[in-house]
Amino acid sequence: MREISLHVLDLAQNSIAANATEIFILLEEDLATNCLRLMVRDNGHGMTKEQCRKALDPFYTTRTARKVGLGLALLQAAAERAAGQVRICSELGKGTTVFADFMYDHIDRAPIGDMAATLVSIITLNEQCHITYRHRRDQREFTVSSRELKQELAGMPLNHPQVVAWLGRYMRELEKTLEV
């Protein structure tokens, strides 16, 4: 995966496959410490300590449809290329949190990518799951919550074409608030 946004999509898909009803995604650009941090936390079925240890192995997966699970291994490789690391914390029956750190200005750090489109996809294609996304760059930040969006839309489905288009524009405007 060539962009951080694609790793976010993969992690969200993992959370949904684990029957999560809540997913919290944090992307933090800390220029003062030269660090890009990604955290994805869910309330899915969680993993045992043994599963956490194996989760970064590309030849380990709990899926029955295929024999490899490349997503976390690719995230780990991307973080390590940029002098970072990946950590997984999980508790069976309570959920999983994945942390990935990258040296922000490392020449090999993957670009963030199109987070707006990624988040629109995650939110609009998974209405059964409450998604919260927070993006922080130094002292500026914004948060988008699918629960709050649903309340504001008063019954209009998040996957309605007009809502999808509006949400894409809205996300891009929020991203602009992070710029210097």
N, C-alpha and C. Protein backbone atom coordinates (compact mmCIF):
# COMPACT_ATOMS: atom_id res chain seq x y z
N MET A 1 0.85 -1.17 0.00
CA MET A 1 0.00 0.00 0.00
C MET A 1 0.89 1.23 0.00
N ARG A 2 0.60 2.13 -0.88
CA ARG A 2 1.48 3.27 -1.07
C ARG A 2 1.08 4.51 -0.30
N GLU A 3 -0.06 4.47 0.37
CA GLU A 3 -0.53 5.65 1.11
C GLU A 3 -1.04 5.23 2.48
N ILE A 4 -0.90 6.12 3.44
CA ILE A 4 -1.40 5.87 4.79
C ILE A 4 -2.92 5.67 4.75
N SER A 5 -3.61 6.41 3.89
CA SER A 5 -5.07 6.30 3.81
C SER A 5 -5.51 4.88 3.46
N LEU A 6 -4.73 4.18 2.66
CA LEU A 6 -5.08 2.80 2.31
C LEU A 6 -4.88 1.86 3.49
N HIS A 7 -3.90 2.16 4.34
CA HIS A 7 -3.74 1.38 5.57
C HIS A 7 -4.93 1.62 6.51
N VAL A 8 -5.40 2.87 6.55
CA VAL A 8 -6.58 3.19 7.37
C VAL A 8 -7.78 2.39 6.87
N LEU A 9 -7.97 2.35 5.57
CA LEU A 9 -9.07 1.58 5.00
C LEU A 9 -8.96 0.11 5.38
N ASP A 10 -7.76 -0.46 5.28
CA ASP A 10 -7.55 -1.86 5.64
C ASP A 10 -7.84 -2.10 7.12
N LEU A 11 -7.36 -1.22 7.98
CA LEU A 11 -7.61 -1.38 9.41
C LEU A 11 -9.10 -1.28 9.74
N ALA A 12 -9.79 -0.35 9.09
CA ALA A 12 -11.23 -0.23 9.30
C ALA A 12 -11.96 -1.49 8.83
N GLN A 13 -11.54 -2.04 7.70
CA GLN A 13 -12.15 -3.29 7.22
C GLN A 13 -11.91 -4.42 8.21
N ASN A 14 -10.69 -4.48 8.80
CA ASN A 14 -10.42 -5.48 9.83
C ASN A 14 -11.36 -5.31 11.01
N SER A 15 -11.57 -4.07 11.42
CA SER A 15 -12.46 -3.80 12.56
C SER A 15 -13.88 -4.23 12.26
N ILE A 16 -14.34 -3.93 11.07
CA ILE A 16 -15.71 -4.30 10.69
C ILE A 16 -15.85 -5.81 10.61
N ALA A 17 -14.82 -6.49 10.09
CA ALA A 17 -14.83 -7.96 10.04
C ALA A 17 -14.84 -8.55 11.44
N ALA A 18 -14.33 -7.80 12.41
CA ALA A 18 -14.31 -8.25 13.81
C ALA A 18 -15.59 -7.83 14.55
N ASN A 19 -16.62 -7.47 13.79
CA ASN A 19 -17.93 -7.09 14.32
C ASN A 19 -17.91 -5.85 15.21
N ALA A 20 -17.02 -4.93 14.92
CA ALA A 20 -16.99 -3.68 15.68
C ALA A 20 -18.23 -2.85 15.37
N THR A 21 -18.73 -2.19 16.39
CA THR A 21 -19.82 -1.24 16.21
C THR A 21 -19.34 0.19 16.40
N GLU A 22 -18.11 0.34 16.91
CA GLU A 22 -17.48 1.64 17.12
C GLU A 22 -16.03 1.55 16.62
N ILE A 23 -15.64 2.52 15.81
CA ILE A 23 -14.25 2.61 15.36
C ILE A 23 -13.80 4.06 15.54
N PHE A 24 -12.65 4.23 16.20
CA PHE A 24 -12.08 5.56 16.38
C PHE A 24 -10.75 5.58 15.64
N ILE A 25 -10.59 6.55 14.75
CA ILE A 25 -9.38 6.70 13.94
C ILE A 25 -8.76 8.05 14.28
N LEU A 26 -7.48 8.02 14.65
CA LEU A 26 -6.74 9.25 14.94
C LEU A 26 -5.53 9.31 14.02
N LEU A 27 -5.40 10.42 13.34
CA LEU A 27 -4.21 10.69 12.54
C LEU A 27 -3.62 11.98 13.09
N GLU A 28 -2.39 11.89 13.59
CA GLU A 28 -1.77 13.03 14.24
C GLU A 28 -0.44 13.35 13.57
N GLU A 29 -0.37 14.57 13.05
CA GLU A 29 0.86 15.08 12.45
C GLU A 29 1.52 16.02 13.46
N ASP A 30 2.52 15.51 14.15
CA ASP A 30 3.20 16.28 15.18
C ASP A 30 4.53 16.76 14.61
N LEU A 31 4.50 17.94 14.01
CA LEU A 31 5.69 18.46 13.35
C LEU A 31 6.79 18.79 14.35
N ALA A 32 6.44 19.16 15.57
CA ALA A 32 7.44 19.51 16.58
C ALA A 32 8.30 18.30 16.95
N THR A 33 7.70 17.12 16.98
CA THR A 33 8.45 15.90 17.31
C THR A 33 8.79 15.08 16.08
N ASN A 34 8.45 15.61 14.89
CA ASN A 34 8.74 14.94 13.62
C ASN A 34 8.11 13.54 13.56
N CYS A 35 6.87 13.46 13.99
CA CYS A 35 6.20 12.16 14.06
C CYS A 35 4.80 12.22 13.42
N LEU A 36 4.51 11.20 12.65
CA LEU A 36 3.15 10.98 12.15
C LEU A 36 2.64 9.75 12.89
N ARG A 37 1.54 9.91 13.59
CA ARG A 37 0.97 8.81 14.37
C ARG A 37 -0.40 8.45 13.82
N LEU A 38 -0.62 7.16 13.74
CA LEU A 38 -1.92 6.62 13.34
C LEU A 38 -2.38 5.69 14.45
N MET A 39 -3.63 5.84 14.84
CA MET A 39 -4.22 4.92 15.80
C MET A 39 -5.62 4.56 15.30
N VAL A 40 -5.92 3.28 15.31
CA VAL A 40 -7.27 2.81 15.00
C VAL A 40 -7.69 1.90 16.14
N ARG A 41 -8.79 2.28 16.80
CA ARG A 41 -9.30 1.53 17.96
C ARG A 41 -10.73 1.08 17.66
N ASP A 42 -11.03 -0.16 17.99
CA ASP A 42 -12.39 -0.66 17.78
C ASP A 42 -12.88 -1.43 19.00
N ASN A 43 -14.16 -1.73 19.00
CA ASN A 43 -14.76 -2.54 20.05
C ASN A 43 -15.18 -3.90 19.50
N GLY A 44 -14.43 -4.40 18.53
CA GLY A 44 -14.73 -5.70 17.94
C GLY A 44 -14.42 -6.84 18.89
N HIS A 45 -14.37 -8.04 18.36
CA HIS A 45 -14.21 -9.21 19.24
C HIS A 45 -12.82 -9.35 19.83
N GLY A 46 -11.86 -8.57 19.37
CA GLY A 46 -10.53 -8.59 19.98
C GLY A 46 -9.73 -9.82 19.62
N MET A 47 -8.52 -9.85 20.16
CA MET A 47 -7.61 -10.96 19.88
C MET A 47 -6.94 -11.42 21.17
N THR A 48 -6.51 -12.66 21.17
CA THR A 48 -5.72 -13.18 22.28
C THR A 48 -4.30 -12.62 22.17
N LYS A 49 -3.51 -12.80 23.21
CA LYS A 49 -2.11 -12.36 23.17
C LYS A 49 -1.36 -13.09 22.05
N GLU A 50 -1.66 -14.36 21.86
CA GLU A 50 -1.00 -15.13 20.80
C GLU A 50 -1.38 -14.59 19.42
N GLN A 51 -2.65 -14.28 19.21
CA GLN A 51 -3.08 -13.70 17.94
C GLN A 51 -2.42 -12.35 17.69
N CYS A 52 -2.26 -11.54 18.73
CA CYS A 52 -1.57 -10.24 18.59
C CYS A 52 -0.13 -10.45 18.13
N ARG A 53 0.53 -11.43 18.72
CA ARG A 53 1.92 -11.70 18.33
C ARG A 53 2.01 -12.14 16.87
N LYS A 54 1.05 -12.93 16.42
CA LYS A 54 1.07 -13.47 15.06
C LYS A 54 0.52 -12.49 14.02
N ALA A 55 -0.21 -11.48 14.46
CA ALA A 55 -0.95 -10.61 13.53
C ALA A 55 -0.06 -9.89 12.52
N LEU A 56 1.19 -9.65 12.87
CA LEU A 56 2.09 -8.95 11.95
C LEU A 56 2.78 -9.90 10.97
N ASP A 57 2.54 -11.18 11.11
CA ASP A 57 3.10 -12.19 10.20
C ASP A 57 2.21 -12.25 8.95
N PRO A 58 2.78 -12.01 7.76
CA PRO A 58 1.94 -12.00 6.55
C PRO A 58 1.33 -13.36 6.22
N PHE A 59 1.84 -14.42 6.80
CA PHE A 59 1.31 -15.74 6.50
C PHE A 59 0.36 -16.24 7.57
N TYR A 60 -0.09 -15.32 8.43
CA TYR A 60 -1.06 -15.66 9.45
C TYR A 60 -2.33 -14.86 9.19
N THR A 61 -3.45 -15.52 9.24
CA THR A 61 -4.74 -14.85 9.15
C THR A 61 -5.79 -15.71 9.84
N THR A 62 -6.82 -15.08 10.34
CA THR A 62 -7.94 -15.82 10.92
C THR A 62 -9.02 -16.05 9.88
N ARG A 63 -8.84 -15.45 8.70
CA ARG A 63 -9.82 -15.61 7.63
C ARG A 63 -9.72 -17.02 7.04
N THR A 64 -10.84 -17.52 6.61
CA THR A 64 -10.84 -18.86 6.00
C THR A 64 -10.81 -18.80 4.48
N ALA A 65 -11.11 -17.63 3.91
CA ALA A 65 -11.17 -17.51 2.45
C ALA A 65 -9.79 -17.44 1.80
N ARG A 66 -8.79 -17.00 2.57
CA ARG A 66 -7.44 -16.94 2.01
C ARG A 66 -6.43 -17.26 3.11
N LYS A 67 -5.23 -17.57 2.69
CA LYS A 67 -4.22 -18.07 3.63
C LYS A 67 -3.22 -17.01 4.09
N VAL A 68 -3.34 -15.78 3.61
CA VAL A 68 -2.42 -14.72 4.01
C VAL A 68 -3.19 -13.52 4.52
N GLY A 69 -2.55 -12.74 5.37
CA GLY A 69 -3.13 -11.52 5.91
C GLY A 69 -2.09 -10.42 5.81
N LEU A 70 -2.00 -9.78 4.68
CA LEU A 70 -0.90 -8.87 4.39
C LEU A 70 -1.06 -7.47 4.99
N GLY A 71 -2.26 -7.05 5.31
CA GLY A 71 -2.49 -5.66 5.71
C GLY A 71 -1.62 -5.17 6.84
N LEU A 72 -1.61 -5.85 7.97
CA LEU A 72 -0.81 -5.41 9.11
C LEU A 72 0.68 -5.54 8.84
N ALA A 73 1.07 -6.58 8.11
CA ALA A 73 2.49 -6.75 7.76
C ALA A 73 2.95 -5.61 6.85
N LEU A 74 2.10 -5.20 5.93
CA LEU A 74 2.46 -4.08 5.05
C LEU A 74 2.52 -2.76 5.83
N LEU A 75 1.63 -2.59 6.79
CA LEU A 75 1.68 -1.39 7.64
C LEU A 75 2.98 -1.38 8.44
N GLN A 76 3.35 -2.52 9.00
CA GLN A 76 4.59 -2.60 9.76
C GLN A 76 5.79 -2.27 8.86
N ALA A 77 5.82 -2.81 7.66
CA ALA A 77 6.92 -2.54 6.73
C ALA A 77 6.98 -1.06 6.39
N ALA A 78 5.83 -0.43 6.17
CA ALA A 78 5.79 1.00 5.85
C ALA A 78 6.31 1.83 7.02
N ALA A 79 5.91 1.48 8.22
CA ALA A 79 6.37 2.22 9.41
C ALA A 79 7.87 2.04 9.59
N GLU A 80 8.35 0.82 9.46
CA GLU A 80 9.78 0.57 9.65
C GLU A 80 10.63 1.27 8.59
N ARG A 81 10.12 1.36 7.36
CA ARG A 81 10.84 2.08 6.30
C ARG A 81 11.03 3.55 6.66
N ALA A 82 10.11 4.07 7.47
CA ALA A 82 10.17 5.49 7.87
C ALA A 82 10.59 5.61 9.33
N ALA A 83 11.46 4.71 9.79
CA ALA A 83 12.02 4.74 11.14
C ALA A 83 10.95 4.71 12.22
N GLY A 84 9.86 3.99 11.96
CA GLY A 84 8.76 3.90 12.92
C GLY A 84 8.50 2.48 13.35
N GLN A 85 7.33 2.28 13.92
CA GLN A 85 6.96 0.96 14.42
C GLN A 85 5.44 0.82 14.48
N VAL A 86 5.00 -0.43 14.63
CA VAL A 86 3.58 -0.74 14.80
C VAL A 86 3.42 -1.52 16.09
N ARG A 87 2.38 -1.18 16.85
CA ARG A 87 2.04 -1.93 18.07
C ARG A 87 0.57 -2.28 18.01
N ILE A 88 0.25 -3.44 18.54
CA ILE A 88 -1.14 -3.89 18.60
C ILE A 88 -1.46 -4.22 20.05
N CYS A 89 -2.55 -3.63 20.54
CA CYS A 89 -3.06 -3.94 21.87
C CYS A 89 -4.48 -4.46 21.68
N SER A 90 -4.78 -5.57 22.32
CA SER A 90 -6.11 -6.14 22.14
C SER A 90 -6.50 -6.94 23.37
N GLU A 91 -7.79 -7.00 23.58
CA GLU A 91 -8.33 -7.83 24.65
C GLU A 91 -9.54 -8.56 24.08
N LEU A 92 -9.52 -9.87 24.24
CA LEU A 92 -10.59 -10.70 23.72
C LEU A 92 -11.93 -10.23 24.28
N GLY A 93 -12.89 -10.02 23.39
CA GLY A 93 -14.21 -9.57 23.78
C GLY A 93 -14.34 -8.07 24.01
N LYS A 94 -13.25 -7.32 23.91
CA LYS A 94 -13.29 -5.88 24.19
C LYS A 94 -12.84 -5.03 23.02
N GLY A 95 -12.01 -5.56 22.13
CA GLY A 95 -11.58 -4.77 20.99
C GLY A 95 -10.07 -4.74 20.81
N THR A 96 -9.67 -3.99 19.79
CA THR A 96 -8.27 -3.93 19.38
C THR A 96 -7.89 -2.49 19.07
N THR A 97 -6.66 -2.14 19.39
CA THR A 97 -6.10 -0.85 19.03
C THR A 97 -4.78 -1.10 18.30
N VAL A 98 -4.64 -0.48 17.14
CA VAL A 98 -3.41 -0.56 16.36
C VAL A 98 -2.79 0.83 16.35
N PHE A 99 -1.51 0.90 16.70
CA PHE A 99 -0.74 2.14 16.68
C PHE A 99 0.34 2.01 15.62
N ALA A 100 0.53 3.04 14.82
CA ALA A 100 1.63 3.07 13.86
C ALA A 100 2.27 4.45 13.93
N ASP A 101 3.58 4.45 14.10
CA ASP A 101 4.34 5.70 14.13
C ASP A 101 5.30 5.74 12.95
N PHE A 102 5.46 6.92 12.38
CA PHE A 102 6.35 7.14 11.24
C PHE A 102 7.15 8.40 11.51
N MET A 103 8.42 8.44 11.11
CA MET A 103 9.16 9.69 11.16
C MET A 103 8.55 10.58 10.07
N TYR A 104 8.05 11.73 10.48
CA TYR A 104 7.26 12.57 9.58
C TYR A 104 8.01 12.95 8.32
N ASP A 105 9.24 13.42 8.46
CA ASP A 105 9.95 13.92 7.28
C ASP A 105 10.90 12.87 6.67
N HIS A 106 10.72 11.63 7.03
CA HIS A 106 11.57 10.57 6.46
C HIS A 106 11.30 10.46 4.96
N ILE A 107 12.36 10.33 4.20
CA ILE A 107 12.22 10.28 2.74
C ILE A 107 11.38 9.09 2.28
N ASP A 108 11.34 8.03 3.07
CA ASP A 108 10.59 6.83 2.69
C ASP A 108 9.20 6.74 3.32
N ARG A 109 8.78 7.80 4.03
CA ARG A 109 7.43 7.76 4.60
C ARG A 109 6.40 7.87 3.49
N ALA A 110 5.45 6.97 3.52
CA ALA A 110 4.36 7.03 2.54
C ALA A 110 3.58 8.32 2.72
N PRO A 111 3.05 8.89 1.65
CA PRO A 111 2.20 10.08 1.78
C PRO A 111 0.89 9.70 2.49
N ILE A 112 0.26 10.68 3.07
CA ILE A 112 -1.00 10.41 3.76
C ILE A 112 -2.05 9.94 2.77
N GLY A 113 -2.08 10.49 1.59
CA GLY A 113 -3.04 10.06 0.58
C GLY A 113 -4.36 10.79 0.72
N ASP A 114 -5.38 10.24 0.10
CA ASP A 114 -6.69 10.87 0.06
C ASP A 114 -7.56 10.41 1.23
N MET A 115 -7.27 10.99 2.41
CA MET A 115 -8.03 10.60 3.60
C MET A 115 -9.50 10.96 3.48
N ALA A 116 -9.80 12.07 2.81
CA ALA A 116 -11.21 12.47 2.66
C ALA A 116 -11.99 11.37 1.95
N ALA A 117 -11.50 10.90 0.82
CA ALA A 117 -12.20 9.85 0.07
C ALA A 117 -12.25 8.55 0.86
N THR A 118 -11.16 8.23 1.55
CA THR A 118 -11.12 7.01 2.36
C THR A 118 -12.17 7.07 3.46
N LEU A 119 -12.24 8.19 4.17
CA LEU A 119 -13.21 8.31 5.25
C LEU A 119 -14.64 8.33 4.74
N VAL A 120 -14.86 8.98 3.61
CA VAL A 120 -16.21 8.97 3.02
C VAL A 120 -16.61 7.53 2.72
N SER A 121 -15.71 6.74 2.17
CA SER A 121 -16.01 5.34 1.87
C SER A 121 -16.31 4.56 3.14
N ILE A 122 -15.47 4.69 4.13
CA ILE A 122 -15.67 3.95 5.38
C ILE A 122 -16.99 4.32 6.02
N ILE A 123 -17.27 5.61 6.12
CA ILE A 123 -18.49 6.08 6.80
C ILE A 123 -19.74 5.71 6.02
N THR A 124 -19.74 5.94 4.72
CA THR A 124 -20.98 5.75 3.95
C THR A 124 -21.28 4.30 3.62
N LEU A 125 -20.28 3.45 3.64
CA LEU A 125 -20.50 2.04 3.31
C LEU A 125 -20.69 1.16 4.55
N ASN A 126 -20.64 1.76 5.73
CA ASN A 126 -20.74 0.98 6.96
C ASN A 126 -21.62 1.68 7.97
N GLU A 127 -22.87 1.90 7.60
CA GLU A 127 -23.78 2.66 8.46
C GLU A 127 -24.07 1.98 9.78
N GLN A 128 -23.87 0.67 9.86
CA GLN A 128 -24.13 -0.05 11.10
C GLN A 128 -23.05 0.21 12.14
N CYS A 129 -21.95 0.80 11.72
CA CYS A 129 -20.80 1.04 12.60
C CYS A 129 -20.61 2.55 12.79
N HIS A 130 -20.41 2.96 14.03
CA HIS A 130 -20.16 4.38 14.32
C HIS A 130 -18.67 4.65 14.15
N ILE A 131 -18.36 5.56 13.24
CA ILE A 131 -16.98 5.89 12.92
C ILE A 131 -16.69 7.31 13.44
N THR A 132 -15.61 7.45 14.17
CA THR A 132 -15.15 8.78 14.58
C THR A 132 -13.74 8.94 14.04
N TYR A 133 -13.49 10.05 13.37
CA TYR A 133 -12.19 10.34 12.79
C TYR A 133 -11.71 11.68 13.34
N ARG A 134 -10.51 11.68 13.89
CA ARG A 134 -9.90 12.92 14.37
C ARG A 134 -8.57 13.08 13.67
N HIS A 135 -8.37 14.26 13.10
CA HIS A 135 -7.10 14.57 12.43
C HIS A 135 -6.52 15.79 13.12
N ARG A 136 -5.30 15.64 13.58
CA ARG A 136 -4.63 16.70 14.32
C ARG A 136 -3.31 17.02 13.63
N ARG A 137 -3.06 18.29 13.42
CA ARG A 137 -1.75 18.76 12.93
C ARG A 137 -1.32 19.87 13.88
N ASP A 138 -0.32 19.54 14.68
CA ASP A 138 0.15 20.44 15.72
C ASP A 138 -1.03 20.87 16.59
N GLN A 139 -1.36 22.16 16.65
CA GLN A 139 -2.43 22.64 17.54
C GLN A 139 -3.80 22.69 16.87
N ARG A 140 -3.88 22.39 15.57
CA ARG A 140 -5.16 22.43 14.85
C ARG A 140 -5.70 21.02 14.71
N GLU A 141 -7.00 20.88 14.79
CA GLU A 141 -7.60 19.56 14.62
C GLU A 141 -9.06 19.68 14.23
N PHE A 142 -9.58 18.59 13.71
CA PHE A 142 -11.02 18.47 13.48
C PHE A 142 -11.44 17.04 13.76
N THR A 143 -12.72 16.87 14.03
CA THR A 143 -13.29 15.55 14.30
C THR A 143 -14.57 15.41 13.50
N VAL A 144 -14.74 14.24 12.90
CA VAL A 144 -15.97 13.90 12.19
C VAL A 144 -16.52 12.63 12.81
N SER A 145 -17.80 12.64 13.14
CA SER A 145 -18.45 11.50 13.76
C SER A 145 -19.66 11.08 12.93
N SER A 146 -19.69 9.82 12.55
CA SER A 146 -20.85 9.35 11.78
C SER A 146 -22.12 9.41 12.62
N ARG A 147 -22.01 9.25 13.92
CA ARG A 147 -23.17 9.34 14.80
C ARG A 147 -23.76 10.75 14.74
N GLU A 148 -22.88 11.77 14.80
CA GLU A 148 -23.34 13.15 14.73
C GLU A 148 -23.89 13.48 13.34
N LEU A 149 -23.25 12.95 12.30
CA LEU A 149 -23.76 13.16 10.95
C LEU A 149 -25.17 12.61 10.80
N LYS A 150 -25.40 11.41 11.32
CA LYS A 150 -26.74 10.80 11.24
C LYS A 150 -27.77 11.65 11.96
N GLN A 151 -27.41 12.19 13.11
CA GLN A 151 -28.34 13.05 13.85
C GLN A 151 -28.67 14.30 13.05
N GLU A 152 -27.66 14.92 12.47
CA GLU A 152 -27.85 16.14 11.68
C GLU A 152 -28.70 15.87 10.43
N LEU A 153 -28.54 14.70 9.84
CA LEU A 153 -29.25 14.38 8.61
C LEU A 153 -30.68 13.89 8.86
N ALA A 154 -31.02 13.67 10.11
CA ALA A 154 -32.39 13.33 10.53
C ALA A 154 -33.03 12.24 9.66
N GLY A 155 -32.36 11.12 9.56
CA GLY A 155 -32.96 9.99 8.87
C GLY A 155 -32.52 9.78 7.44
N MET A 156 -31.90 10.77 6.83
CA MET A 156 -31.40 10.58 5.48
C MET A 156 -30.19 9.65 5.55
N PRO A 157 -30.17 8.60 4.73
CA PRO A 157 -29.06 7.64 4.83
C PRO A 157 -27.73 8.25 4.41
N LEU A 158 -26.68 7.83 5.10
CA LEU A 158 -25.34 8.35 4.80
C LEU A 158 -24.87 7.95 3.40
N ASN A 159 -25.44 6.89 2.85
CA ASN A 159 -25.01 6.45 1.52
C ASN A 159 -25.85 7.05 0.39
N HIS A 160 -26.71 8.01 0.72
CA HIS A 160 -27.47 8.70 -0.31
C HIS A 160 -26.47 9.49 -1.17
N PRO A 161 -26.60 9.46 -2.49
CA PRO A 161 -25.62 10.12 -3.36
C PRO A 161 -25.36 11.59 -3.02
N GLN A 162 -26.39 12.33 -2.65
CA GLN A 162 -26.18 13.73 -2.29
C GLN A 162 -25.38 13.87 -1.00
N VAL A 163 -25.61 12.96 -0.06
CA VAL A 163 -24.88 12.99 1.21
C VAL A 163 -23.41 12.62 0.96
N VAL A 164 -23.18 11.61 0.13
CA VAL A 164 -21.82 11.18 -0.18
C VAL A 164 -21.04 12.34 -0.81
N ALA A 165 -21.64 13.02 -1.77
CA ALA A 165 -20.98 14.15 -2.43
C ALA A 165 -20.72 15.27 -1.43
N TRP A 166 -21.72 15.60 -0.62
CA TRP A 166 -21.56 16.65 0.38
C TRP A 166 -20.46 16.30 1.38
N LEU A 167 -20.45 15.05 1.85
CA LEU A 167 -19.47 14.63 2.84
C LEU A 167 -18.05 14.74 2.29
N GLY A 168 -17.86 14.39 1.04
CA GLY A 168 -16.54 14.54 0.41
C GLY A 168 -16.08 16.00 0.41
N ARG A 169 -16.98 16.90 0.04
CA ARG A 169 -16.63 18.33 0.04
C ARG A 169 -16.35 18.82 1.47
N TYR A 170 -17.18 18.38 2.40
CA TYR A 170 -17.04 18.77 3.80
C TYR A 170 -15.69 18.30 4.36
N MET A 171 -15.32 17.06 4.09
CA MET A 171 -14.04 16.53 4.57
C MET A 171 -12.87 17.34 3.99
N ARG A 172 -12.95 17.68 2.74
CA ARG A 172 -11.86 18.44 2.12
C ARG A 172 -11.74 19.85 2.72
N GLU A 173 -12.89 20.45 3.05
CA GLU A 173 -12.86 21.76 3.71
C GLU A 173 -12.26 21.65 5.10
N LEU A 174 -12.59 20.60 5.82
CA LEU A 174 -12.00 20.41 7.15
C LEU A 174 -10.49 20.20 7.05
N GLU A 175 -10.04 19.45 6.04
CA GLU A 175 -8.60 19.25 5.87
C GLU A 175 -7.88 20.58 5.63
N LYS A 176 -8.52 21.50 4.93
CA LYS A 176 -7.91 22.81 4.67
C LYS A 176 -7.69 23.59 5.96
N THR A 177 -8.51 23.34 6.99
CA THR A 177 -8.35 24.06 8.25
C THR A 177 -7.06 23.67 8.97
N LEU A 178 -6.43 22.57 8.56
CA LEU A 178 -5.18 22.13 9.18
C LEU A 178 -3.95 22.78 8.56
N GLU A 179 -4.13 23.36 7.39
CA GLU A 179 -3.00 23.94 6.67
C GLU A 179 -2.55 25.24 7.31
N VAL A 180 -1.28 25.55 7.15
CA VAL A 180 -0.70 26.77 7.73
C VAL A 180 -1.10 27.96 6.92
